[in-house]
Protein backbone atom coordinates (compact mmCIF):
# COMPACT_ATOMS: atom_id res chain seq x y z
CA UNK A 1 -52.03 79.34 251.86
CA UNK A 2 -54.57 78.95 249.05
CA UNK A 3 -54.06 75.82 246.99
CA UNK A 4 -54.51 75.67 243.19
CA UNK A 5 -57.33 73.20 243.80
CA UNK A 6 -59.17 75.72 245.98
CA UNK A 7 -58.68 78.48 243.40
CA UNK A 8 -59.92 76.21 240.65
CA UNK A 9 -62.89 75.21 242.78
CA UNK A 10 -63.87 78.83 243.30
CA UNK A 11 -63.51 79.47 239.57
CA UNK A 12 -65.76 76.54 238.73
CA UNK A 13 -68.28 77.72 241.32
CA UNK A 14 -68.29 81.26 239.87
CA UNK A 15 -68.67 79.91 236.34
CA UNK A 16 -71.55 77.70 237.44
CA UNK A 17 -73.20 80.67 239.19
CA UNK A 18 -72.89 82.77 236.03
CA UNK A 19 -74.41 79.97 234.00
CA UNK A 20 -77.33 79.63 236.38
CA UNK A 21 -77.84 83.40 236.37
CA UNK A 22 -77.81 83.55 232.57
CA UNK A 23 -80.25 80.64 232.40
CA UNK A 24 -82.57 82.39 234.86
CA UNK A 25 -82.45 85.58 232.80
CA UNK A 26 -83.22 83.67 229.60
CA UNK A 27 -86.14 81.97 231.35
CA UNK A 28 -87.43 85.31 232.65
CA UNK A 29 -87.23 86.75 229.12
CA UNK A 30 -89.75 84.12 228.03
CA UNK A 31 -92.32 85.18 230.64
CA UNK A 32 -95.37 87.15 229.40
CA UNK A 33 -94.70 90.86 228.95
CA UNK A 34 -97.10 91.81 231.72
CA UNK A 35 -95.36 89.51 234.22
CA UNK A 36 -91.96 91.01 233.40
CA UNK A 37 -93.33 94.55 233.62
CA UNK A 38 -95.11 94.00 236.92
CA UNK A 39 -92.13 92.28 238.53
CA UNK A 40 -89.82 95.12 237.52
CA UNK A 41 -92.30 97.71 238.76
CA UNK A 42 -92.81 95.88 242.09
CA UNK A 43 -89.05 95.59 242.55
CA UNK A 44 -88.69 99.32 241.92
CA UNK A 45 -91.38 100.12 244.47
CA UNK A 46 -89.80 97.79 247.03
CA UNK A 47 -86.51 99.64 246.59
CA UNK A 48 -88.28 102.98 247.04
CA UNK A 49 -89.98 101.58 250.15
CA UNK A 50 -86.56 100.73 251.59
CA UNK A 51 -85.44 104.31 250.94
CA UNK A 52 -88.57 105.63 252.68
CA UNK A 53 -87.98 103.36 255.68
CA UNK A 54 -84.37 104.47 256.02
CA UNK A 55 -85.38 108.13 255.81
CA UNK A 56 -88.24 107.62 258.30
CA UNK A 57 -85.79 106.34 260.91
CA UNK A 58 -83.99 109.69 260.68
CA UNK A 59 -87.15 111.81 260.69
CA UNK A 60 -87.19 114.23 263.59
CA UNK A 61 -90.00 116.43 264.95
CA UNK A 62 -92.55 117.36 262.30
CA UNK A 63 -96.13 118.70 261.96
CA UNK A 64 -97.80 115.29 261.58
CA UNK A 65 -96.53 112.64 263.99
CA UNK A 66 -93.86 111.71 266.53
CA UNK A 67 -90.24 111.36 265.37
CA UNK A 68 -89.11 108.12 263.72
CA UNK A 69 -92.51 107.14 262.26
CA UNK A 70 -93.29 103.82 260.61
CA UNK A 71 -93.41 103.45 256.82
CA UNK A 72 -97.19 103.94 256.46
CA UNK A 73 -97.28 107.16 258.49
CA UNK A 74 -94.19 108.49 256.75
CA UNK A 75 -95.62 108.15 253.23
CA UNK A 76 -98.98 109.69 254.24
CA UNK A 77 -97.82 113.27 254.76
CA UNK A 78 -97.75 116.45 252.69
CA UNK A 79 -100.54 116.48 250.07
CA UNK A 80 -101.73 113.06 251.20
CA UNK A 81 -103.42 114.83 254.11
CA UNK A 82 -105.18 117.20 251.70
CA UNK A 83 -106.49 114.30 249.62
CA UNK A 84 -107.73 112.77 252.87
CA UNK A 85 -109.46 116.04 253.69
CA UNK A 86 -111.15 116.11 250.28
CA UNK A 87 -112.21 112.48 250.62
CA UNK A 88 -113.56 112.79 254.16
CA UNK A 89 -115.09 116.27 254.12
CA UNK A 90 -115.47 117.24 250.47
CA UNK A 91 -114.81 120.75 249.18
CA UNK A 92 -115.81 123.97 250.97
CA UNK A 93 -118.79 125.87 249.58
CA UNK A 94 -117.12 129.12 250.64
CA UNK A 95 -113.43 129.86 250.18
CA UNK A 96 -111.78 130.17 253.61
CA UNK A 97 -110.38 133.65 254.17
CA UNK A 98 -107.68 134.84 256.54
CA UNK A 99 -107.77 138.02 258.69
CA UNK A 100 -106.31 139.93 255.75
CA UNK A 101 -109.11 138.77 253.44
CA UNK A 102 -106.81 136.51 251.41
CA UNK A 103 -107.83 132.98 250.48
CA UNK A 104 -106.35 130.31 252.74
CA UNK A 105 -105.12 126.83 251.79
CA UNK A 106 -108.06 124.54 251.04
CA UNK A 107 -109.06 121.37 249.19
CA UNK A 108 -110.07 123.04 245.92
CA UNK A 109 -106.44 122.81 244.77
CA UNK A 110 -106.77 119.00 244.64
CA UNK A 111 -108.65 117.38 241.78
CA UNK A 112 -111.60 115.12 242.69
CA UNK A 113 -111.24 111.68 241.06
CA UNK A 114 -108.52 110.37 243.38
CA UNK A 115 -110.15 111.39 246.69
CA UNK A 116 -113.54 110.23 245.36
CA UNK A 117 -112.14 106.75 244.68
CA UNK A 118 -110.54 106.74 248.12
CA UNK A 119 -113.85 107.61 249.76
CA UNK A 120 -115.67 104.84 247.87
CA UNK A 121 -113.02 102.21 248.68
CA UNK A 122 -112.99 103.27 252.32
CA UNK A 123 -116.78 102.99 252.54
CA UNK A 124 -116.83 99.58 250.85
CA UNK A 125 -113.96 97.99 252.78
CA UNK A 126 -114.10 99.86 256.09
CA UNK A 127 -110.40 100.76 255.89
CA UNK A 128 -109.21 104.25 256.72
CA UNK A 129 -109.14 106.91 254.03
CA UNK A 130 -105.36 107.22 253.89
CA UNK A 131 -104.81 103.44 253.54
CA UNK A 132 -107.49 103.37 250.84
CA UNK A 133 -105.80 106.21 248.95
CA UNK A 134 -102.42 104.49 249.30
CA UNK A 135 -103.80 101.22 247.94
CA UNK A 136 -105.37 103.01 244.96
CA UNK A 137 -102.09 104.77 244.26
CA UNK A 138 -100.12 101.51 244.33
CA UNK A 139 -102.54 99.64 242.06
CA UNK A 140 -102.80 102.58 239.67
CA UNK A 141 -99.01 102.82 239.49
CA UNK A 142 -98.68 99.15 238.55
CA UNK A 143 -101.42 99.53 235.93
CA UNK A 144 -99.68 102.65 234.60
CA UNK A 145 -96.49 100.62 234.08
CA UNK A 146 -98.43 98.08 232.00
CA UNK A 147 -100.07 100.77 229.86
CA UNK A 148 -96.76 102.61 229.45
CA UNK A 149 -95.21 99.39 228.16
CA UNK A 150 -97.95 99.06 225.55
CA UNK A 151 -97.44 102.70 224.56
CA UNK A 152 -93.67 102.25 224.28
CA UNK A 153 -94.14 99.12 222.15
CA UNK A 154 -95.75 101.34 219.50
CA UNK A 155 -92.27 102.80 218.91
CA UNK A 156 -89.73 100.28 220.20
CA UNK A 157 -88.91 96.61 220.49
CA UNK A 158 -89.55 94.55 223.59
CA UNK A 159 -86.17 95.05 225.26
CA UNK A 160 -86.08 98.82 224.77
CA UNK A 161 -89.72 99.18 225.86
CA UNK A 162 -88.94 97.26 229.06
CA UNK A 163 -86.00 99.54 229.75
CA UNK A 164 -88.23 102.55 229.14
CA UNK A 165 -90.72 101.30 231.72
CA UNK A 166 -87.89 100.55 234.13
CA UNK A 167 -86.64 104.13 233.77
CA UNK A 168 -90.16 105.44 234.50
CA UNK A 169 -90.42 103.12 237.51
CA UNK A 170 -87.10 104.27 238.98
CA UNK A 171 -87.23 107.95 237.98
CA UNK A 172 -85.96 110.15 240.85
CA UNK A 173 -89.49 111.19 241.83
CA UNK A 174 -91.02 107.73 241.22
CA UNK A 175 -91.48 107.11 244.99
CA UNK A 176 -94.50 109.39 244.66
CA UNK A 177 -96.22 106.55 242.77
CA UNK A 178 -96.65 104.60 246.04
CA UNK A 179 -97.84 107.38 248.34
CA UNK A 180 -101.41 108.75 248.64
CA UNK A 181 -100.92 111.29 245.86
CA UNK A 182 -102.87 111.40 242.58
CA UNK A 183 -99.73 111.12 240.41
CA UNK A 184 -99.99 107.37 239.79
CA UNK A 185 -103.67 107.55 238.84
CA UNK A 186 -102.99 110.49 236.54
CA UNK A 187 -100.05 108.65 234.98
CA UNK A 188 -102.31 105.67 234.26
CA UNK A 189 -105.01 107.81 232.66
CA UNK A 190 -102.51 109.94 230.75
CA UNK A 191 -100.67 106.91 229.37
CA UNK A 192 -104.00 105.37 228.38
CA UNK A 193 -105.11 108.58 226.67
CA UNK A 194 -101.84 108.87 224.74
CA UNK A 195 -101.97 105.21 223.72
CA UNK A 196 -105.49 105.59 222.33
CA UNK A 197 -104.55 108.76 220.44
CA UNK A 198 -101.47 107.08 218.96
CA UNK A 199 -103.66 104.16 217.84
CA UNK A 200 -106.25 106.61 216.40
CA UNK A 201 -109.00 105.45 218.76
CA UNK A 202 -110.12 109.02 219.44
CA UNK A 203 -113.74 108.28 220.38
CA UNK A 204 -112.71 105.45 222.69
CA UNK A 205 -110.32 107.89 224.37
CA UNK A 206 -113.11 110.30 225.37
CA UNK A 207 -114.02 108.85 228.81
CA UNK A 208 -110.36 108.19 229.64
CA UNK A 209 -109.44 111.78 228.79
CA UNK A 210 -112.31 113.17 230.89
CA UNK A 211 -111.14 111.17 233.92
CA UNK A 212 -107.55 112.21 233.28
CA UNK A 213 -108.56 115.88 233.24
CA UNK A 214 -110.26 115.42 236.62
CA UNK A 215 -107.31 113.64 238.25
CA UNK A 216 -104.63 116.31 237.96
CA UNK A 217 -104.13 119.55 235.97
CA UNK A 218 -102.91 117.91 232.76
CA UNK A 219 -106.04 118.66 230.73
CA UNK A 220 -104.97 122.00 229.27
CA UNK A 221 -101.74 120.71 227.66
CA UNK A 222 -103.55 117.58 226.48
CA UNK A 223 -106.26 119.67 224.81
CA UNK A 224 -103.54 121.81 223.23
CA UNK A 225 -101.82 118.67 221.94
CA UNK A 226 -104.90 117.18 220.28
CA UNK A 227 -105.86 120.61 218.97
CA UNK A 228 -102.49 120.98 217.25
CA UNK A 229 -102.78 117.41 215.94
CA UNK A 230 -106.14 118.28 214.42
CA UNK A 231 -104.74 121.41 212.76
CA UNK A 232 -101.82 119.40 211.36
CA UNK A 233 -104.11 116.60 210.09
CA UNK A 234 -106.53 119.10 208.54
CA UNK A 235 -103.69 121.01 206.88
CA UNK A 236 -102.24 117.79 205.51
CA UNK A 237 -105.69 116.71 204.25
CA UNK A 238 -106.47 119.88 202.32
CA UNK A 239 -102.97 120.16 200.88
CA UNK A 240 -103.09 116.65 199.46
CA UNK A 241 -104.29 116.12 195.87
CA UNK A 242 -108.03 115.49 195.74
CA UNK A 243 -107.63 111.96 194.43
CA UNK A 244 -105.32 111.08 197.37
CA UNK A 245 -107.40 112.52 200.19
CA UNK A 246 -109.22 110.44 202.76
CA UNK A 247 -112.80 111.39 203.45
CA UNK A 248 -113.08 114.60 205.47
CA UNK A 249 -115.22 112.63 207.92
CA UNK A 250 -112.02 110.89 209.06
CA UNK A 251 -111.13 114.14 210.88
CA UNK A 252 -114.32 114.21 212.95
CA UNK A 253 -113.26 111.79 215.71
CA UNK A 254 -110.18 113.91 216.38
CA UNK A 255 -112.29 117.08 216.28
CA UNK A 256 -114.68 115.62 218.86
CA UNK A 257 -111.72 114.70 221.07
CA UNK A 258 -110.45 118.29 220.82
CA UNK A 259 -113.78 119.71 221.97
CA UNK A 260 -114.25 117.20 224.79
CA UNK A 261 -110.65 117.61 225.98
CA UNK A 262 -110.97 121.39 226.10
CA UNK A 263 -114.26 121.18 228.01
CA UNK A 264 -112.89 118.59 230.45
CA UNK A 265 -109.75 120.67 231.02
CA UNK A 266 -111.93 123.56 232.21
CA UNK A 267 -114.40 121.39 234.12
CA UNK A 268 -112.74 121.52 237.55
CA UNK A 269 -112.25 125.31 237.65
CA UNK A 270 -115.86 125.55 236.42
CA UNK A 271 -117.10 123.26 239.20
CA UNK A 272 -115.21 125.32 241.78
CA UNK A 273 -116.88 128.44 240.37
CA UNK A 274 -120.34 126.85 240.46
CA UNK A 275 -119.99 125.64 244.07
CA UNK A 276 -118.35 128.71 245.61
CA UNK A 277 -119.76 131.43 243.42
CA UNK A 278 -116.22 132.71 242.81
CA UNK A 279 -115.20 132.64 239.16
CA UNK A 280 -111.51 132.37 240.09
CA UNK A 281 -111.98 130.01 243.05
CA UNK A 282 -109.60 127.38 241.68
CA UNK A 283 -106.82 129.73 240.59
CA UNK A 284 -107.02 131.75 243.81
CA UNK A 285 -106.71 128.54 245.81
CA UNK A 286 -103.92 127.14 243.65
CA UNK A 287 -101.83 130.28 244.02
CA UNK A 288 -102.12 130.36 247.82
CA UNK A 289 -99.08 128.06 248.01
CA UNK A 290 -97.15 130.47 245.79
CA UNK A 291 -97.82 133.55 247.89
CA UNK A 292 -98.78 135.73 244.90
CA UNK A 293 -101.27 135.90 242.05
CA UNK A 294 -100.96 133.94 238.82
CA UNK A 295 -98.97 135.89 236.21
CA UNK A 296 -97.96 133.82 233.16
CA UNK A 297 -94.19 133.32 232.65
CA UNK A 298 -93.18 135.79 235.37
CA UNK A 299 -92.33 133.26 238.13
CA UNK A 300 -89.69 131.65 235.90
CA UNK A 301 -87.90 134.95 235.43
CA UNK A 302 -88.24 135.83 239.12
CA UNK A 303 -86.71 132.48 240.08
CA UNK A 304 -84.00 132.91 237.45
CA UNK A 305 -83.04 136.30 238.88
CA UNK A 306 -83.04 134.85 242.42
CA UNK A 307 -80.74 131.98 241.42
CA UNK A 308 -78.46 133.56 238.80
CA UNK A 309 -78.65 137.33 239.24
CA UNK A 310 -80.32 140.12 237.26
CA UNK A 311 -78.64 139.43 233.91
CA UNK A 312 -78.19 135.65 233.68
CA UNK A 313 -81.44 135.17 235.57
CA UNK A 314 -83.49 136.84 232.84
CA UNK A 315 -81.77 134.76 230.19
CA UNK A 316 -82.03 131.47 232.11
CA UNK A 317 -85.70 130.65 231.25
CA UNK A 318 -85.08 131.44 227.58
CA UNK A 319 -82.01 129.21 227.53
CA UNK A 320 -83.95 126.45 229.29
CA UNK A 321 -86.80 126.65 226.77
CA UNK A 322 -84.35 126.60 223.86
CA UNK A 323 -82.51 123.62 225.36
CA UNK A 324 -85.78 121.71 225.74
CA UNK A 325 -86.74 122.52 222.15
CA UNK A 326 -83.36 121.18 221.06
CA UNK A 327 -84.00 118.03 223.10
CA UNK A 328 -87.27 117.47 221.26
CA UNK A 329 -85.40 117.70 217.95
CA UNK A 330 -82.72 115.20 218.99
CA UNK A 331 -82.63 111.81 217.20
CA UNK A 332 -83.67 109.72 220.26
CA UNK A 333 -86.71 111.90 220.93
CA UNK A 334 -87.70 112.02 217.27
CA UNK A 335 -88.19 108.24 217.45
CA UNK A 336 -91.14 108.82 219.79
CA UNK A 337 -93.38 109.92 216.95
CA UNK A 338 -95.33 113.18 216.55
CA UNK A 339 -97.97 112.56 219.21
CA UNK A 340 -95.60 111.93 222.12
CA UNK A 341 -93.21 114.68 221.06
CA UNK A 342 -96.10 117.11 220.77
CA UNK A 343 -97.36 116.06 224.20
CA UNK A 344 -93.97 116.73 225.76
CA UNK A 345 -93.79 120.13 224.02
CA UNK A 346 -97.30 121.14 225.12
CA UNK A 347 -96.82 119.98 228.68
CA UNK A 348 -93.52 121.80 229.07
CA UNK A 349 -95.09 124.87 227.46
CA UNK A 350 -97.90 124.64 230.02
CA UNK A 351 -95.37 124.51 232.86
CA UNK A 352 -93.51 127.52 231.47
CA UNK A 353 -96.71 129.54 231.23
CA UNK A 354 -98.40 128.65 234.53
CA UNK A 355 -95.97 126.95 236.92
CA UNK A 356 -94.20 128.64 239.78
CA UNK A 357 -90.83 126.83 239.73
CA UNK A 358 -89.90 125.41 243.12
CA UNK A 359 -88.92 122.08 244.62
CA UNK A 360 -92.31 120.57 243.64
CA UNK A 361 -91.35 121.15 240.01
CA UNK A 362 -89.36 117.89 240.02
CA UNK A 363 -92.53 115.95 240.81
CA UNK A 364 -94.46 117.80 238.14
CA UNK A 365 -92.05 116.55 235.46
CA UNK A 366 -93.47 113.02 235.78
CA UNK A 367 -96.01 113.48 232.92
CA UNK A 368 -92.99 113.82 230.60
CA UNK A 369 -92.59 110.05 231.05
CA UNK A 370 -92.33 109.35 227.26
CA UNK A 371 -88.82 110.83 227.49
CA UNK A 372 -87.88 107.70 229.47
CA UNK A 373 -88.19 105.74 226.24
CA UNK A 374 -86.04 108.32 224.46
CA UNK A 375 -83.45 107.83 227.21
CA UNK A 376 -83.43 104.11 226.42
CA UNK A 377 -83.07 104.95 222.71
CA UNK A 378 -79.79 106.80 223.32
CA UNK A 379 -77.81 103.57 223.48
CA UNK A 380 -78.37 99.84 223.72
CA UNK A 381 -75.25 99.50 225.83
CA UNK A 382 -75.89 97.66 229.09
CA UNK A 383 -73.27 99.86 230.74
CA UNK A 384 -75.10 103.05 229.67
CA UNK A 385 -78.55 101.81 230.66
CA UNK A 386 -77.24 100.41 233.93
CA UNK A 387 -75.53 103.73 234.72
CA UNK A 388 -78.79 105.62 234.11
CA UNK A 389 -80.61 103.18 236.38
CA UNK A 390 -78.07 103.59 239.19
CA UNK A 391 -78.16 107.39 238.82
CA UNK A 392 -81.97 107.40 239.06
CA UNK A 393 -81.91 105.25 242.21
CA UNK A 394 -79.32 107.48 243.87
CA UNK A 395 -81.40 110.55 243.00
CA UNK A 396 -84.40 108.86 244.61
CA UNK A 397 -82.42 108.90 247.85
CA UNK A 398 -81.75 112.60 247.34
CA UNK A 399 -85.42 113.36 246.63
CA UNK A 400 -86.75 111.44 249.64
CA UNK A 401 -84.15 112.69 252.12
CA UNK A 402 -84.08 116.28 250.87
CA UNK A 403 -87.73 116.90 250.04
CA UNK A 404 -90.02 114.21 251.47
CA UNK A 405 -88.50 114.08 254.95
CA UNK A 406 -89.47 117.18 256.88
CA UNK A 407 -86.87 119.49 258.41
CA UNK A 408 -87.83 123.00 259.44
CA UNK A 409 -86.10 125.81 257.58
CA UNK A 410 -84.72 128.82 259.52
CA UNK A 411 -87.68 130.90 258.39
CA UNK A 412 -90.23 128.18 259.17
CA UNK A 413 -91.79 125.48 257.03
CA UNK A 414 -89.87 123.24 254.66
CA UNK A 415 -89.36 122.71 250.94
CA UNK A 416 -92.34 120.74 249.57
CA UNK A 417 -91.76 117.54 247.55
């Protein structure tokens, strides 16, 4: 039988534990912003690592290694092997062709900055290419969290900005930030480019934007974003009364950024053309994984018909686009400011024009990371933000188990992550 003294003792112990916990949280809140951000990001990656380890223990036969691999082998599959190929052997001077004359899968689909850094680090340290790529991805992901915090602070207070970074760090596809994929490096460069544009440091942004355009195919929507910003700024300038106008030279830094962004966005397809002699070398390679040629918009309607039938399927992409436009007009998203909203609009427009929707689409939504801050803007309630966090973590489990772990489909192959 429990005595009142024992019950009271447990109550005092629980109260003391709560007090200590609250004191620890208050102390942590006084740490420098970069310490808080890094600790949260590292904790998120440790949680994702635990999910990877649990899934690896269940991994059966697969194309890469024996069943039940260790953590490091398990995270180094899928496109990680292609980045290793690009780092170790470069890019083919002739597009590989199959017996039917069609282009085969090859490294030209994978942008060069990430494998180039992996090759350099491997040569300097002597470590293997895949470990070098993994280390670069992990460091770049942590740096991306720091830059994202600075970007979010342009629009939000400290607490909301921290929550925004936490949502980015635990997003359902965030485990990709610790595997040898270029996503974390691209996220770092994209966040840096957006931060510099928001702060009007357009000339300083030039080298960052060039590197970003050579890390992953985000250059076209970025060039579209800064182009539309220039048009809006120019329109606003010439509509203003003459005595209230800034000097027209104030538009030149943005104009230069537009030109450089557009050139950098086309640089990788141009390099592929120059090396192989095939003007469409990049697009032909990129579409190998789709199984058909690039036709703007059409894959969305084809997928809609496959999922929802001939009537609803045709309407589904239109409804999706309208819903996303409505999202951009919602009060939480409007708090992001014109640059981030325009980026999200241009990037989603790019996906609608060029993307073949499939399971990899979830991973390709990561550049929409500013919407994580809008998610934090919805409510300051701890219950709401905690529920979003728990939902994201549970969806990480779904993403890793469903898409990262390999399980052969009846027709062969598996859904790519």
